[in-house]
PDB file of N, CA and C in Angstrom:
ATOM      1  N   UNK A   1       9.613 -25.008  39.405  1.00  0.00           N
ATOM      2  CA  UNK A   1       9.856 -26.336  39.921  1.00  0.00           C
ATOM      3  C   UNK A   1       9.497 -26.370  41.402  1.00  0.00           C
ATOM      4  N   UNK A   2       8.732 -27.337  41.784  1.00  0.00           N
ATOM      5  CA  UNK A   2       8.331 -27.514  43.183  1.00  0.00           C
ATOM      6  C   UNK A   2       9.479 -28.166  43.938  1.00  0.00           C
ATOM      7  N   UNK A   3       9.917 -27.527  45.003  1.00  0.00           N
ATOM      8  CA  UNK A   3      10.999 -28.070  45.831  1.00  0.00           C
ATOM      9  C   UNK A   3      10.410 -28.457  47.185  1.00  0.00           C
ATOM     10  N   UNK A   4      11.006 -29.453  47.787  1.00  0.00           N
ATOM     11  CA  UNK A   4      10.505 -29.886  49.087  1.00  0.00           C
ATOM     12  C   UNK A   4      10.918 -28.889  50.165  1.00  0.00           C
ATOM     13  N   UNK A   5      10.077 -28.793  51.152  1.00  0.00           N
ATOM     14  CA  UNK A   5      10.331 -27.888  52.261  1.00  0.00           C
ATOM     15  C   UNK A   5      11.205 -28.586  53.294  1.00  0.00           C
ATOM     16  N   UNK A   6      12.177 -27.853  53.828  1.00  0.00           N
ATOM     17  CA  UNK A   6      13.033 -28.396  54.880  1.00  0.00           C
ATOM     18  C   UNK A   6      13.056 -27.412  56.042  1.00  0.00           C
ATOM     19  N   UNK A   7      13.512 -27.890  57.164  1.00  0.00           N
ATOM     20  CA  UNK A   7      13.599 -27.027  58.347  1.00  0.00           C
ATOM     21  C   UNK A   7      14.551 -25.858  58.092  1.00  0.00           C
ATOM     22  N   UNK A   8      15.652 -26.103  57.386  1.00  0.00           N
ATOM     23  CA  UNK A   8      16.623 -25.048  57.083  1.00  0.00           C
ATOM     24  C   UNK A   8      15.990 -23.957  56.230  1.00  0.00           C
ATOM     25  N   UNK A   9      15.265 -24.358  55.191  1.00  0.00           N
ATOM     26  CA  UNK A   9      14.611 -23.389  54.311  1.00  0.00           C
ATOM     27  C   UNK A   9      13.606 -22.553  55.088  1.00  0.00           C
ATOM     28  N   UNK A  10      12.800 -23.216  55.893  1.00  0.00           N
ATOM     29  CA  UNK A  10      11.778 -22.501  56.670  1.00  0.00           C
ATOM     30  C   UNK A  10      12.414 -21.509  57.633  1.00  0.00           C
ATOM     31  N   UNK A  11      13.497 -21.924  58.290  1.00  0.00           N
ATOM     32  CA  UNK A  11      14.138 -21.043  59.263  1.00  0.00           C
ATOM     33  C   UNK A  11      14.759 -19.823  58.577  1.00  0.00           C
ATOM     34  N   UNK A  12      15.403 -20.030  57.436  1.00  0.00           N
ATOM     35  CA  UNK A  12      16.009 -18.911  56.707  1.00  0.00           C
ATOM     36  C   UNK A  12      14.935 -17.959  56.200  1.00  0.00           C
ATOM     37  N   UNK A  13      13.828 -18.496  55.682  1.00  0.00           N
ATOM     38  CA  UNK A  13      12.721 -17.638  55.237  1.00  0.00           C
ATOM     39  C   UNK A  13      12.165 -16.820  56.394  1.00  0.00           C
ATOM     40  N   UNK A  14      12.024 -17.435  57.557  1.00  0.00           N
ATOM     41  CA  UNK A  14      11.522 -16.726  58.734  1.00  0.00           C
ATOM     42  C   UNK A  14      12.458 -15.590  59.132  1.00  0.00           C
ATOM     43  N   UNK A  15      13.768 -15.835  59.079  1.00  0.00           N
ATOM     44  CA  UNK A  15      14.751 -14.804  59.426  1.00  0.00           C
ATOM     45  C   UNK A  15      14.647 -13.638  58.455  1.00  0.00           C
ATOM     46  N   UNK A  16      14.573 -13.938  57.154  1.00  0.00           N
ATOM     47  CA  UNK A  16      14.470 -12.874  56.153  1.00  0.00           C
ATOM     48  C   UNK A  16      13.170 -12.087  56.297  1.00  0.00           C
ATOM     49  N   UNK A  17      12.070 -12.789  56.513  1.00  0.00           N
ATOM     50  CA  UNK A  17      10.772 -12.128  56.647  1.00  0.00           C
ATOM     51  C   UNK A  17      10.731 -11.248  57.900  1.00  0.00           C
ATOM     52  N   UNK A  18      11.311 -11.714  58.977  1.00  0.00           N
ATOM     53  CA  UNK A  18      11.293 -10.962  60.235  1.00  0.00           C
ATOM     54  C   UNK A  18      12.171  -9.720  60.177  1.00  0.00           C
ATOM     55  N   UNK A  19      13.216  -9.747  59.365  1.00  0.00           N
ATOM     56  CA  UNK A  19      14.150  -8.617  59.342  1.00  0.00           C
ATOM     57  C   UNK A  19      13.559  -7.397  58.644  1.00  0.00           C
ATOM     58  N   UNK A  20      12.830  -7.613  57.556  1.00  0.00           N
ATOM     59  CA  UNK A  20      12.292  -6.487  56.796  1.00  0.00           C
ATOM     60  C   UNK A  20      13.328  -5.783  55.942  1.00  0.00           C
ATOM     61  N   UNK A  21      14.584  -6.169  56.041  1.00  0.00           N
ATOM     62  CA  UNK A  21      15.675  -5.581  55.262  1.00  0.00           C
ATOM     63  C   UNK A  21      16.490  -6.692  54.618  1.00  0.00           C
ATOM     64  N   UNK A  22      17.399  -6.305  53.752  1.00  0.00           N
ATOM     65  CA  UNK A  22      18.306  -7.271  53.144  1.00  0.00           C
ATOM     66  C   UNK A  22      19.366  -7.663  54.175  1.00  0.00           C
ATOM     67  N   UNK A  23      19.723  -8.938  54.186  1.00  0.00           N
ATOM     68  CA  UNK A  23      20.707  -9.449  55.143  1.00  0.00           C
ATOM     69  C   UNK A  23      21.847 -10.146  54.409  1.00  0.00           C
ATOM     70  N   UNK A  24      23.056  -9.996  54.916  1.00  0.00           N
ATOM     71  CA  UNK A  24      24.196 -10.716  54.367  1.00  0.00           C
ATOM     72  C   UNK A  24      24.173 -12.149  54.886  1.00  0.00           C
ATOM     73  N   UNK A  25      24.983 -12.986  54.269  1.00  0.00           N
ATOM     74  CA  UNK A  25      25.103 -14.372  54.717  1.00  0.00           C
ATOM     75  C   UNK A  25      25.474 -14.428  56.192  1.00  0.00           C
ATOM     76  N   UNK A  26      26.429 -13.586  56.595  1.00  0.00           N
ATOM     77  CA  UNK A  26      26.877 -13.581  57.993  1.00  0.00           C
ATOM     78  C   UNK A  26      25.754 -13.172  58.943  1.00  0.00           C
ATOM     79  N   UNK A  27      24.955 -12.184  58.533  1.00  0.00           N
ATOM     80  CA  UNK A  27      23.836 -11.751  59.367  1.00  0.00           C
ATOM     81  C   UNK A  27      22.818 -12.874  59.532  1.00  0.00           C
ATOM     82  N   UNK A  28      22.564 -13.590  58.448  1.00  0.00           N
ATOM     83  CA  UNK A  28      21.626 -14.715  58.506  1.00  0.00           C
ATOM     84  C   UNK A  28      22.187 -15.815  59.386  1.00  0.00           C
ATOM     85  N   UNK A  29      23.462 -16.117  59.215  1.00  0.00           N
ATOM     86  CA  UNK A  29      24.092 -17.185  60.001  1.00  0.00           C
ATOM     87  C   UNK A  29      24.022 -16.882  61.499  1.00  0.00           C
ATOM     88  N   UNK A  30      24.139 -15.604  61.871  1.00  0.00           N
ATOM     89  CA  UNK A  30      24.059 -15.211  63.281  1.00  0.00           C
ATOM     90  C   UNK A  30      22.658 -15.413  63.863  1.00  0.00           C
ATOM     91  N   UNK A  31      21.631 -15.470  62.982  1.00  0.00           N
ATOM     92  CA  UNK A  31      20.243 -15.526  63.448  1.00  0.00           C
ATOM     93  C   UNK A  31      19.602 -16.902  63.325  1.00  0.00           C
ATOM     94  N   UNK A  32      20.281 -17.865  62.704  1.00  0.00           N
ATOM     95  CA  UNK A  32      19.715 -19.207  62.573  1.00  0.00           C
ATOM     96  C   UNK A  32      20.363 -20.137  63.588  1.00  0.00           C
ATOM     97  N   UNK A  33      19.827 -21.343  63.678  1.00  0.00           N
ATOM     98  CA  UNK A  33      20.363 -22.305  64.644  1.00  0.00           C
ATOM     99  C   UNK A  33      21.814 -22.622  64.320  1.00  0.00           C
ATOM    100  N   UNK A  34      22.577 -22.882  65.346  1.00  0.00           N
ATOM    101  CA  UNK A  34      24.010 -23.127  65.179  1.00  0.00           C
ATOM    102  C   UNK A  34      24.306 -24.413  64.408  1.00  0.00           C
ATOM    103  N   UNK A  35      23.324 -25.281  64.263  1.00  0.00           N
ATOM    104  CA  UNK A  35      23.530 -26.541  63.553  1.00  0.00           C
ATOM    105  C   UNK A  35      23.596 -26.354  62.031  1.00  0.00           C
ATOM    106  N   UNK A  36      23.196 -25.187  61.548  1.00  0.00           N
ATOM    107  CA  UNK A  36      23.171 -24.941  60.108  1.00  0.00           C
ATOM    108  C   UNK A  36      24.538 -24.424  59.656  1.00  0.00           C
ATOM    109  N   UNK A  37      25.158 -25.111  58.694  1.00  0.00           N
ATOM    110  CA  UNK A  37      26.482 -24.691  58.247  1.00  0.00           C
ATOM    111  C   UNK A  37      26.403 -23.670  57.116  1.00  0.00           C
ATOM    112  N   UNK A  38      27.545 -23.045  56.823  1.00  0.00           N
ATOM    113  CA  UNK A  38      27.630 -21.975  55.820  1.00  0.00           C
ATOM    114  C   UNK A  38      27.178 -22.448  54.439  1.00  0.00           C
ATOM    115  N   UNK A  39      27.603 -23.645  54.056  1.00  0.00           N
ATOM    116  CA  UNK A  39      27.273 -24.166  52.725  1.00  0.00           C
ATOM    117  C   UNK A  39      25.766 -24.339  52.559  1.00  0.00           C
ATOM    118  N   UNK A  40      25.105 -24.817  53.597  1.00  0.00           N
ATOM    119  CA  UNK A  40      23.647 -24.987  53.545  1.00  0.00           C
ATOM    120  C   UNK A  40      22.966 -23.640  53.362  1.00  0.00           C
ATOM    121  N   UNK A  41      23.410 -22.640  54.094  1.00  0.00           N
ATOM    122  CA  UNK A  41      22.810 -21.311  53.992  1.00  0.00           C
ATOM    123  C   UNK A  41      22.993 -20.759  52.580  1.00  0.00           C
ATOM    124  N   UNK A  42      24.203 -20.853  52.027  1.00  0.00           N
ATOM    125  CA  UNK A  42      24.440 -20.380  50.660  1.00  0.00           C
ATOM    126  C   UNK A  42      23.573 -21.123  49.651  1.00  0.00           C
ATOM    127  N   UNK A  43      23.492 -22.422  49.785  1.00  0.00           N
ATOM    128  CA  UNK A  43      22.701 -23.239  48.854  1.00  0.00           C
ATOM    129  C   UNK A  43      21.221 -22.833  48.909  1.00  0.00           C
ATOM    130  N   UNK A  44      20.699 -22.689  50.110  1.00  0.00           N
ATOM    131  CA  UNK A  44      19.287 -22.299  50.278  1.00  0.00           C
ATOM    132  C   UNK A  44      19.048 -20.908  49.700  1.00  0.00           C
ATOM    133  N   UNK A  45      19.923 -19.956  49.989  1.00  0.00           N
ATOM    134  CA  UNK A  45      19.752 -18.593  49.479  1.00  0.00           C
ATOM    135  C   UNK A  45      19.784 -18.554  47.952  1.00  0.00           C
ATOM    136  N   UNK A  46      20.703 -19.301  47.352  1.00  0.00           N
ATOM    137  CA  UNK A  46      20.783 -19.328  45.886  1.00  0.00           C
ATOM    138  C   UNK A  46      19.542 -19.974  45.273  1.00  0.00           C
ATOM    139  N   UNK A  47      18.996 -20.997  45.905  1.00  0.00           N
ATOM    140  CA  UNK A  47      17.753 -21.598  45.412  1.00  0.00           C
ATOM    141  C   UNK A  47      16.585 -20.638  45.547  1.00  0.00           C
ATOM    142  N   UNK A  48      16.543 -19.909  46.653  1.00  0.00           N
ATOM    143  CA  UNK A  48      15.488 -18.908  46.825  1.00  0.00           C
ATOM    144  C   UNK A  48      15.565 -17.855  45.723  1.00  0.00           C
ATOM    145  N   UNK A  49      16.782 -17.452  45.344  1.00  0.00           N
ATOM    146  CA  UNK A  49      16.949 -16.494  44.246  1.00  0.00           C
ATOM    147  C   UNK A  49      16.433 -17.094  42.939  1.00  0.00           C
ATOM    148  N   UNK A  50      16.796 -18.344  42.657  1.00  0.00           N
ATOM    149  CA  UNK A  50      16.337 -19.027  41.446  1.00  0.00           C
ATOM    150  C   UNK A  50      14.820 -19.130  41.404  1.00  0.00           C
ATOM    151  N   UNK A  51      14.214 -19.368  42.559  1.00  0.00           N
ATOM    152  CA  UNK A  51      12.765 -19.567  42.649  1.00  0.00           C
ATOM    153  C   UNK A  51      11.992 -18.249  42.770  1.00  0.00           C
ATOM    154  N   UNK A  52      12.690 -17.130  42.847  1.00  0.00           N
ATOM    155  CA  UNK A  52      12.019 -15.842  42.929  1.00  0.00           C
ATOM    156  C   UNK A  52      11.467 -15.498  44.298  1.00  0.00           C
ATOM    157  N   UNK A  53      11.956 -16.153  45.350  1.00  0.00           N
ATOM    158  CA  UNK A  53      11.487 -15.839  46.703  1.00  0.00           C
ATOM    159  C   UNK A  53      12.280 -14.689  47.311  1.00  0.00           C
ATOM    160  N   UNK A  54      13.548 -14.586  46.955  1.00  0.00           N
ATOM    161  CA  UNK A  54      14.399 -13.497  47.433  1.00  0.00           C
ATOM    162  C   UNK A  54      15.172 -12.928  46.250  1.00  0.00           C
ATOM    163  N   UNK A  55      15.691 -11.725  46.427  1.00  0.00           N
ATOM    164  CA  UNK A  55      16.590 -11.181  45.419  1.00  0.00           C
ATOM    165  C   UNK A  55      17.906 -10.811  46.072  1.00  0.00           C
ATOM    166  N   UNK A  56      18.943 -10.830  45.252  1.00  0.00           N
ATOM    167  CA  UNK A  56      20.298 -10.601  45.713  1.00  0.00           C
ATOM    168  C   UNK A  56      20.702  -9.170  45.393  1.00  0.00           C
ATOM    169  N   UNK A  57      21.360  -8.548  46.353  1.00  0.00           N
ATOM    170  CA  UNK A  57      21.877  -7.194  46.203  1.00  0.00           C
ATOM    171  C   UNK A  57      23.378  -7.277  46.436  1.00  0.00           C
ATOM    172  N   UNK A  58      24.152  -6.735  45.521  1.00  0.00           N
ATOM    173  CA  UNK A  58      25.595  -6.674  45.734  1.00  0.00           C
ATOM    174  C   UNK A  58      25.907  -5.277  46.235  1.00  0.00           C
ATOM    175  N   UNK A  59      26.391  -5.208  47.464  1.00  0.00           N
ATOM    176  CA  UNK A  59      26.661  -3.921  48.093  1.00  0.00           C
ATOM    177  C   UNK A  59      27.928  -3.275  47.564  1.00  0.00           C
ATOM    178  N   UNK A  60      28.088  -2.001  47.854  1.00  0.00           N
ATOM    179  CA  UNK A  60      29.283  -1.277  47.443  1.00  0.00           C
ATOM    180  C   UNK A  60      30.528  -1.803  48.148  1.00  0.00           C
ATOM    181  N   UNK A  61      30.329  -2.595  49.199  1.00  0.00           N
ATOM    182  CA  UNK A  61      31.425  -3.209  49.933  1.00  0.00           C
ATOM    183  C   UNK A  61      31.766  -4.598  49.390  1.00  0.00           C
ATOM    184  N   UNK A  62      31.085  -5.013  48.304  1.00  0.00           N
ATOM    185  CA  UNK A  62      31.350  -6.305  47.678  1.00  0.00           C
ATOM    186  C   UNK A  62      30.570  -7.463  48.277  1.00  0.00           C
ATOM    187  N   UNK A  63      29.893  -7.238  49.399  1.00  0.00           N
ATOM    188  CA  UNK A  63      29.106  -8.304  50.028  1.00  0.00           C
ATOM    189  C   UNK A  63      27.794  -8.505  49.297  1.00  0.00           C
ATOM    190  N   UNK A  64      27.296  -9.729  49.374  1.00  0.00           N
ATOM    191  CA  UNK A  64      25.975 -10.035  48.845  1.00  0.00           C
ATOM    192  C   UNK A  64      24.970  -9.977  49.984  1.00  0.00           C
ATOM    193  N   UNK A  65      23.827  -9.349  49.701  1.00  0.00           N
ATOM    194  CA  UNK A  65      22.737  -9.249  50.656  1.00  0.00           C
ATOM    195  C   UNK A  65      21.505  -9.855  50.006  1.00  0.00           C
ATOM    196  N   UNK A  66      20.618 -10.412  50.811  1.00  0.00           N
ATOM    197  CA  UNK A  66      19.433 -11.088  50.308  1.00  0.00           C
ATOM    198  C   UNK A  66      18.198 -10.489  50.967  1.00  0.00           C
ATOM    199  N   UNK A  67      17.187 -10.190  50.139  1.00  0.00           N
ATOM    200  CA  UNK A  67      15.946  -9.592  50.642  1.00  0.00           C
ATOM    201  C   UNK A  67      14.760 -10.359  50.087  1.00  0.00           C
ATOM    202  N   UNK A  68      13.696 -10.412  50.865  1.00  0.00           N
ATOM    203  CA  UNK A  68      12.468 -11.057  50.412  1.00  0.00           C
ATOM    204  C   UNK A  68      11.922 -10.304  49.204  1.00  0.00           C
ATOM    205  N   UNK A  69      11.367 -11.046  48.267  1.00  0.00           N
ATOM    206  CA  UNK A  69      10.724 -10.422  47.111  1.00  0.00           C
ATOM    207  C   UNK A  69       9.395  -9.825  47.550  1.00  0.00           C
ATOM    208  N   UNK A  70       9.086  -8.687  47.001  1.00  0.00           N
ATOM    209  CA  UNK A  70       7.802  -8.035  47.255  1.00  0.00           C
ATOM    210  C   UNK A  70       7.284  -7.495  45.933  1.00  0.00           C
ATOM    211  N   UNK A  71       5.983  -7.510  45.783  1.00  0.00           N
ATOM    212  CA  UNK A  71       5.345  -7.006  44.568  1.00  0.00           C
ATOM    213  C   UNK A  71       5.771  -7.752  43.313  1.00  0.00           C
ATOM    214  N   UNK A  72       6.091  -9.021  43.448  1.00  0.00           N
ATOM    215  CA  UNK A  72       6.440  -9.853  42.294  1.00  0.00           C
ATOM    216  C   UNK A  72       5.283 -10.801  42.027  1.00  0.00           C
ATOM    217  N   UNK A  73       5.026 -11.080  40.770  1.00  0.00           N
ATOM    218  CA  UNK A  73       3.966 -11.992  40.371  1.00  0.00           C
ATOM    219  C   UNK A  73       4.612 -13.316  39.967  1.00  0.00           C
ATOM    220  N   UNK A  74       4.655 -14.281  40.903  1.00  0.00           N
ATOM    221  CA  UNK A  74       5.317 -15.550  40.642  1.00  0.00           C
ATOM    222  C   UNK A  74       4.644 -16.348  39.536  1.00  0.00           C
ATOM    223  N   UNK A  75       3.328 -16.254  39.413  1.00  0.00           N
ATOM    224  CA  UNK A  75       2.611 -17.007  38.390  1.00  0.00           C
ATOM    225  C   UNK A  75       2.997 -16.545  36.990  1.00  0.00           C
ATOM    226  N   UNK A  76       3.170 -15.245  36.841  1.00  0.00           N
ATOM    227  CA  UNK A  76       3.558 -14.697  35.537  1.00  0.00           C
ATOM    228  C   UNK A  76       5.071 -14.566  35.425  1.00  0.00           C
ATOM    229  N   UNK A  77       5.776 -14.928  36.494  1.00  0.00           N
ATOM    230  CA  UNK A  77       7.235 -14.854  36.572  1.00  0.00           C
ATOM    231  C   UNK A  77       7.749 -13.447  36.269  1.00  0.00           C
ATOM    232  N   UNK A  78       7.048 -12.445  36.822  1.00  0.00           N
ATOM    233  CA  UNK A  78       7.475 -11.066  36.669  1.00  0.00           C
ATOM    234  C   UNK A  78       8.194 -10.640  37.944  1.00  0.00           C
ATOM    235  N   UNK A  79       9.485 -10.583  37.864  1.00  0.00           N
ATOM    236  CA  UNK A  79      10.284 -10.178  39.015  1.00  0.00           C
ATOM    237  C   UNK A  79      11.033  -8.910  38.643  1.00  0.00           C
ATOM    238  N   UNK A  80      10.765  -7.871  39.365  1.00  0.00           N
ATOM    239  CA  UNK A  80      11.439  -6.611  39.110  1.00  0.00           C
ATOM    240  C   UNK A  80      12.156  -6.171  40.375  1.00  0.00           C
ATOM    241  N   UNK A  81      13.459  -6.159  40.302  1.00  0.00           N
ATOM    242  CA  UNK A  81      14.262  -5.746  41.450  1.00  0.00           C
ATOM    243  C   UNK A  81      15.107  -4.546  41.087  1.00  0.00           C
ATOM    244  N   UNK A  82      14.673  -3.844  40.060  1.00  0.00           N
ATOM    245  CA  UNK A  82      15.370  -2.643  39.631  1.00  0.00           C
ATOM    246  C   UNK A  82      14.938  -1.462  40.477  1.00  0.00           C
ATOM    247  N   UNK A  83      15.405  -1.474  41.704  1.00  0.00           N
ATOM    248  CA  UNK A  83      15.124  -0.373  42.610  1.00  0.00           C
ATOM    249  C   UNK A  83      16.405  -0.026  43.356  1.00  0.00           C
ATOM    250  N   UNK A  84      16.370   1.074  44.035  1.00  0.00           N
ATOM    251  CA  UNK A  84      17.545   1.552  44.765  1.00  0.00           C
ATOM    252  C   UNK A  84      17.669   0.795  46.087  1.00  0.00           C
ATOM    253  N   UNK A  85      18.885   0.489  46.461  1.00  0.00           N
ATOM    254  CA  UNK A  85      19.181  -0.103  47.769  1.00  0.00           C
ATOM    255  C   UNK A  85      20.037   0.897  48.534  1.00  0.00           C
ATOM    256  N   UNK A  86      19.835   0.948  49.836  1.00  0.00           N
ATOM    257  CA  UNK A  86      20.577   1.886  50.671  1.00  0.00           C
ATOM    258  C   UNK A  86      21.274   1.107  51.781  1.00  0.00           C
ATOM    259  N   UNK A  87      22.607   1.322  51.905  1.00  0.00           N
ATOM    260  CA  UNK A  87      23.380   0.659  52.961  1.00  0.00           C
ATOM    261  C   UNK A  87      23.893   1.704  53.928  1.00  0.00           C
ATOM    262  N   UNK A  88      23.525   1.527  55.210  1.00  0.00           N
ATOM    263  CA  UNK A  88      23.963   2.454  56.254  1.00  0.00           C
ATOM    264  C   UNK A  88      25.398   2.122  56.652  1.00  0.00           C
ATOM    265  N   UNK A  89      26.245   3.129  56.619  1.00  0.00           N
ATOM    266  CA  UNK A  89      27.656   2.943  56.961  1.00  0.00           C
ATOM    267  C   UNK A  89      27.882   2.751  58.457  1.00  0.00           C
ATOM    268  N   UNK A  90      26.896   3.140  59.268  1.00  0.00           N
ATOM    269  CA  UNK A  90      27.067   3.009  60.718  1.00  0.00           C
ATOM    270  C   UNK A  90      26.489   1.691  61.241  1.00  0.00           C
ATOM    271  N   UNK A  91      25.226   1.413  60.967  1.00  0.00           N
ATOM    272  CA  UNK A  91      24.589   0.213  61.530  1.00  0.00           C
ATOM    273  C   UNK A  91      24.622  -0.986  60.589  1.00  0.00           C
ATOM    274  N   UNK A  92      24.957  -0.767  59.311  1.00  0.00           N
ATOM    275  CA  UNK A  92      25.079  -1.869  58.358  1.00  0.00           C
ATOM    276  C   UNK A  92      23.777  -2.323  57.729  1.00  0.00           C
ATOM    277  N   UNK A  93      22.671  -1.674  58.049  1.00  0.00           N
ATOM    278  CA  UNK A  93      21.375  -2.043  57.485  1.00  0.00           C
ATOM    279  C   UNK A  93      21.373  -1.816  55.980  1.00  0.00           C
ATOM    280  N   UNK A  94      20.792  -2.770  55.233  1.00  0.00           N
ATOM    281  CA  UNK A  94      20.606  -2.610  53.794  1.00  0.00           C
ATOM    282  C   UNK A  94      19.107  -2.654  53.538  1.00  0.00           C
ATOM    283  N   UNK A  95      18.580  -1.563  52.972  1.00  0.00           N
ATOM    284  CA  UNK A  95      17.140  -1.434  52.728  1.00  0.00           C
ATOM    285  C   UNK A  95      16.853  -1.349  51.242  1.00  0.00           C
ATOM    286  N   UNK A  96      15.707  -1.891  50.850  1.00  0.00           N
ATOM    287  CA  UNK A  96      15.188  -1.702  49.503  1.00  0.00           C
ATOM    288  C   UNK A  96      14.338  -0.441  49.530  1.00  0.00           C
ATOM    289  N   UNK A  97      14.691   0.546  48.736  1.00  0.00           N
ATOM    290  CA  UNK A  97      13.927   1.781  48.658  1.00  0.00           C
ATOM    291  C   UNK A  97      12.960   1.690  47.490  1.00  0.00           C
ATOM    292  N   UNK A  98      11.790   2.256  47.651  1.00  0.00           N
ATOM    293  CA  UNK A  98      10.732   2.107  46.655  1.00  0.00           C
ATOM    294  C   UNK A  98      10.699   3.227  45.614  1.00  0.00           C
ATOM    295  N   UNK A  99      11.566   4.229  45.754  1.00  0.00           N
ATOM    296  CA  UNK A  99      11.560   5.326  44.799  1.00  0.00           C
ATOM    297  C   UNK A  99      11.968   4.818  43.418  1.00  0.00           C
ATOM    298  N   UNK A 100      11.302   5.349  42.399  1.00  0.00           N
ATOM    299  CA  UNK A 100      11.628   4.990  41.022  1.00  0.00           C
ATOM    300  C   UNK A 100      12.960   5.620  40.642  1.00  0.00           C
ATOM    301  N   UNK A 101      13.664   4.966  39.772  1.00  0.00           N
ATOM    302  CA  UNK A 101      14.948   5.458  39.317  1.00  0.00           C
ATOM    303  C   UNK A 101      14.885   5.690  37.817  1.00  0.00           C
ATOM    304  N   UNK A 102      15.328   6.851  37.412  1.00  0.00           N
ATOM    305  CA  UNK A 102      15.367   7.163  35.991  1.00  0.00           C
ATOM    306  C   UNK A 102      16.765   7.666  35.667  1.00  0.00           C
ATOM    307  N   UNK A 103      17.466   6.923  34.825  1.00  0.00           N
ATOM    308  CA  UNK A 103      18.815   7.299  34.437  1.00  0.00           C
ATOM    309  C   UNK A 103      18.807   7.604  32.943  1.00  0.00           C
ATOM    310  N   UNK A 104      19.131   8.834  32.583  1.00  0.00           N
ATOM    311  CA  UNK A 104      19.163   9.155  31.151  1.00  0.00           C
ATOM    312  C   UNK A 104      20.337   8.458  30.478  1.00  0.00           C
ATOM    313  N   UNK A 105      20.034   7.718  29.434  1.00  0.00           N
ATOM    314  CA  UNK A 105      21.073   7.000  28.690  1.00  0.00           C
ATOM    315  C   UNK A 105      21.236   7.636  27.312  1.00  0.00           C
ATOM    316  N   UNK A 106      22.408   7.479  26.716  1.00  0.00           N
ATOM    317  CA  UNK A 106      22.599   7.996  25.357  1.00  0.00           C
ATOM    318  C   UNK A 106      21.638   7.316  24.377  1.00  0.00           C
ATOM    319  N   UNK A 107      21.357   7.982  23.310  1.00  0.00           N
ATOM    320  CA  UNK A 107      20.452   7.459  22.287  1.00  0.00           C
ATOM    321  C   UNK A 107      20.936   6.085  21.809  1.00  0.00           C
ATOM    322  N   UNK A 108      19.985   5.167  21.695  1.00  0.00           N
ATOM    323  CA  UNK A 108      20.304   3.825  21.228  1.00  0.00           C
ATOM    324  C   UNK A 108      20.558   2.814  22.336  1.00  0.00           C
ATOM    325  N   UNK A 109      20.694   3.267  23.577  1.00  0.00           N
ATOM    326  CA  UNK A 109      20.917   2.381  24.711  1.00  0.00           C
ATOM    327  C   UNK A 109      19.580   2.079  25.382  1.00  0.00           C
ATOM    328  N   UNK A 110      19.404   0.828  25.792  1.00  0.00           N
ATOM    329  CA  UNK A 110      18.183   0.427  26.489  1.00  0.00           C
ATOM    330  C   UNK A 110      18.593  -0.347  27.739  1.00  0.00           C
ATOM    331  N   UNK A 111      18.225   0.161  28.903  1.00  0.00           N
ATOM    332  CA  UNK A 111      18.541  -0.511  30.168  1.00  0.00           C
ATOM    333  C   UNK A 111      17.498  -1.580  30.461  1.00  0.00           C
ATOM    334  N   UNK A 112      17.948  -2.739  30.885  1.00  0.00           N
ATOM    335  CA  UNK A 112      17.049  -3.823  31.285  1.00  0.00           C
ATOM    336  C   UNK A 112      17.178  -4.138  32.771  1.00  0.00           C
ATOM    337  N   UNK A 113      18.390  -4.103  33.299  1.00  0.00           N
ATOM    338  CA  UNK A 113      18.643  -4.448  34.698  1.00  0.00           C
ATOM    339  C   UNK A 113      19.647  -3.457  35.269  1.00  0.00           C
ATOM    340  N   UNK A 114      19.442  -3.077  36.506  1.00  0.00           N
ATOM    341  CA  UNK A 114      20.439  -2.269  37.186  1.00  0.00           C
ATOM    342  C   UNK A 114      20.521  -2.670  38.653  1.00  0.00           C
ATOM    343  N   UNK A 115      21.662  -2.372  39.249  1.00  0.00           N
ATOM    344  CA  UNK A 115      21.895  -2.645  40.657  1.00  0.00           C
ATOM    345  C   UNK A 115      22.517  -1.391  41.239  1.00  0.00           C
ATOM    346  N   UNK A 116      21.721  -0.632  41.965  1.00  0.00           N
ATOM    347  CA  UNK A 116      22.199   0.623  42.518  1.00  0.00           C
ATOM    348  C   UNK A 116      22.166   0.559  44.041  1.00  0.00           C
ATOM    349  N   UNK A 117      23.319   0.776  44.649  1.00  0.00           N
ATOM    350  CA  UNK A 117      23.424   0.822  46.104  1.00  0.00           C
ATOM    351  C   UNK A 117      23.992   2.181  46.485  1.00  0.00           C
ATOM    352  N   UNK A 118      23.255   2.878  47.304  1.00  0.00           N
ATOM    353  CA  UNK A 118      23.710   4.164  47.832  1.00  0.00           C
ATOM    354  C   UNK A 118      24.128   3.935  49.280  1.00  0.00           C
ATOM    355  N   UNK A 119      25.274   4.430  49.652  1.00  0.00           N
ATOM    356  CA  UNK A 119      25.754   4.292  51.028  1.00  0.00           C
ATOM    357  C   UNK A 119      25.730   5.637  51.717  1.00  0.00           C
ATOM    358  N   UNK A 120      25.410   5.612  52.977  1.00  0.00           N
ATOM    359  CA  UNK A 120      25.350   6.829  53.773  1.00  0.00           C
ATOM    360  C   UNK A 120      24.852   6.468  55.161  1.00  0.00           C
ATOM    361  N   UNK A 121      24.043   7.330  55.747  1.00  0.00           N
ATOM    362  CA  UNK A 121      23.526   7.095  57.088  1.00  0.00           C
ATOM    363  C   UNK A 121      22.013   7.042  57.035  1.00  0.00           C
ATOM    364  N   UNK A 122      21.422   5.979  57.581  1.00  0.00           N
ATOM    365  CA  UNK A 122      19.978   5.784  57.582  1.00  0.00           C
ATOM    366  C   UNK A 122      19.306   6.792  58.527  1.00  0.00           C
ATOM    367  N   UNK A 123      17.972   6.775  58.541  1.00  0.00           N
ATOM    368  CA  UNK A 123      17.216   7.695  59.401  1.00  0.00           C
ATOM    369  C   UNK A 123      17.608   7.566  60.863  1.00  0.00           C
ATOM    370  N   UNK A 124      17.778   6.331  61.308  1.00  0.00           N
ATOM    371  CA  UNK A 124      18.088   6.105  62.725  1.00  0.00           C
ATOM    372  C   UNK A 124      19.501   6.561  63.105  1.00  0.00           C
ATOM    373  N   UNK A 125      20.423   6.538  62.157  1.00  0.00           N
ATOM    374  CA  UNK A 125      21.827   6.851  62.472  1.00  0.00           C
ATOM    375  C   UNK A 125      22.239   8.275  62.102  1.00  0.00           C
ATOM    376  N   UNK A 126      21.424   8.953  61.299  1.00  0.00           N
ATOM    377  CA  UNK A 126      21.824  10.305  60.869  1.00  0.00           C
ATOM    378  C   UNK A 126      21.446  11.364  61.889  1.00  0.00           C
TER     379      UNK A 126
END
């Protein structure tokens, strides 16, 4: 579905693109204009998820983080976000890691979606 572009959407996309990492709602709110309220940010982020522009990561701390989609084919609607996420306990950065994940499952089980967040210390903080 084609949605109209607004200043709020453009600003949030710019913040996400500039960060290079997944950001929480609070992190995004700190980086956008003060005129944008919390509800608008949540609404825009959820629409971006629906439209395949960003994906949502639920951290081990219960917070939701949002990252720009990469390597997704929007025309074929192929979105794969089954990758590892890493949250730094010191600086709070949440990164999408590109390493493949293979989890052995018992016979008869088939995995379709997973959300894996590893917490520790990033390169800069370790």
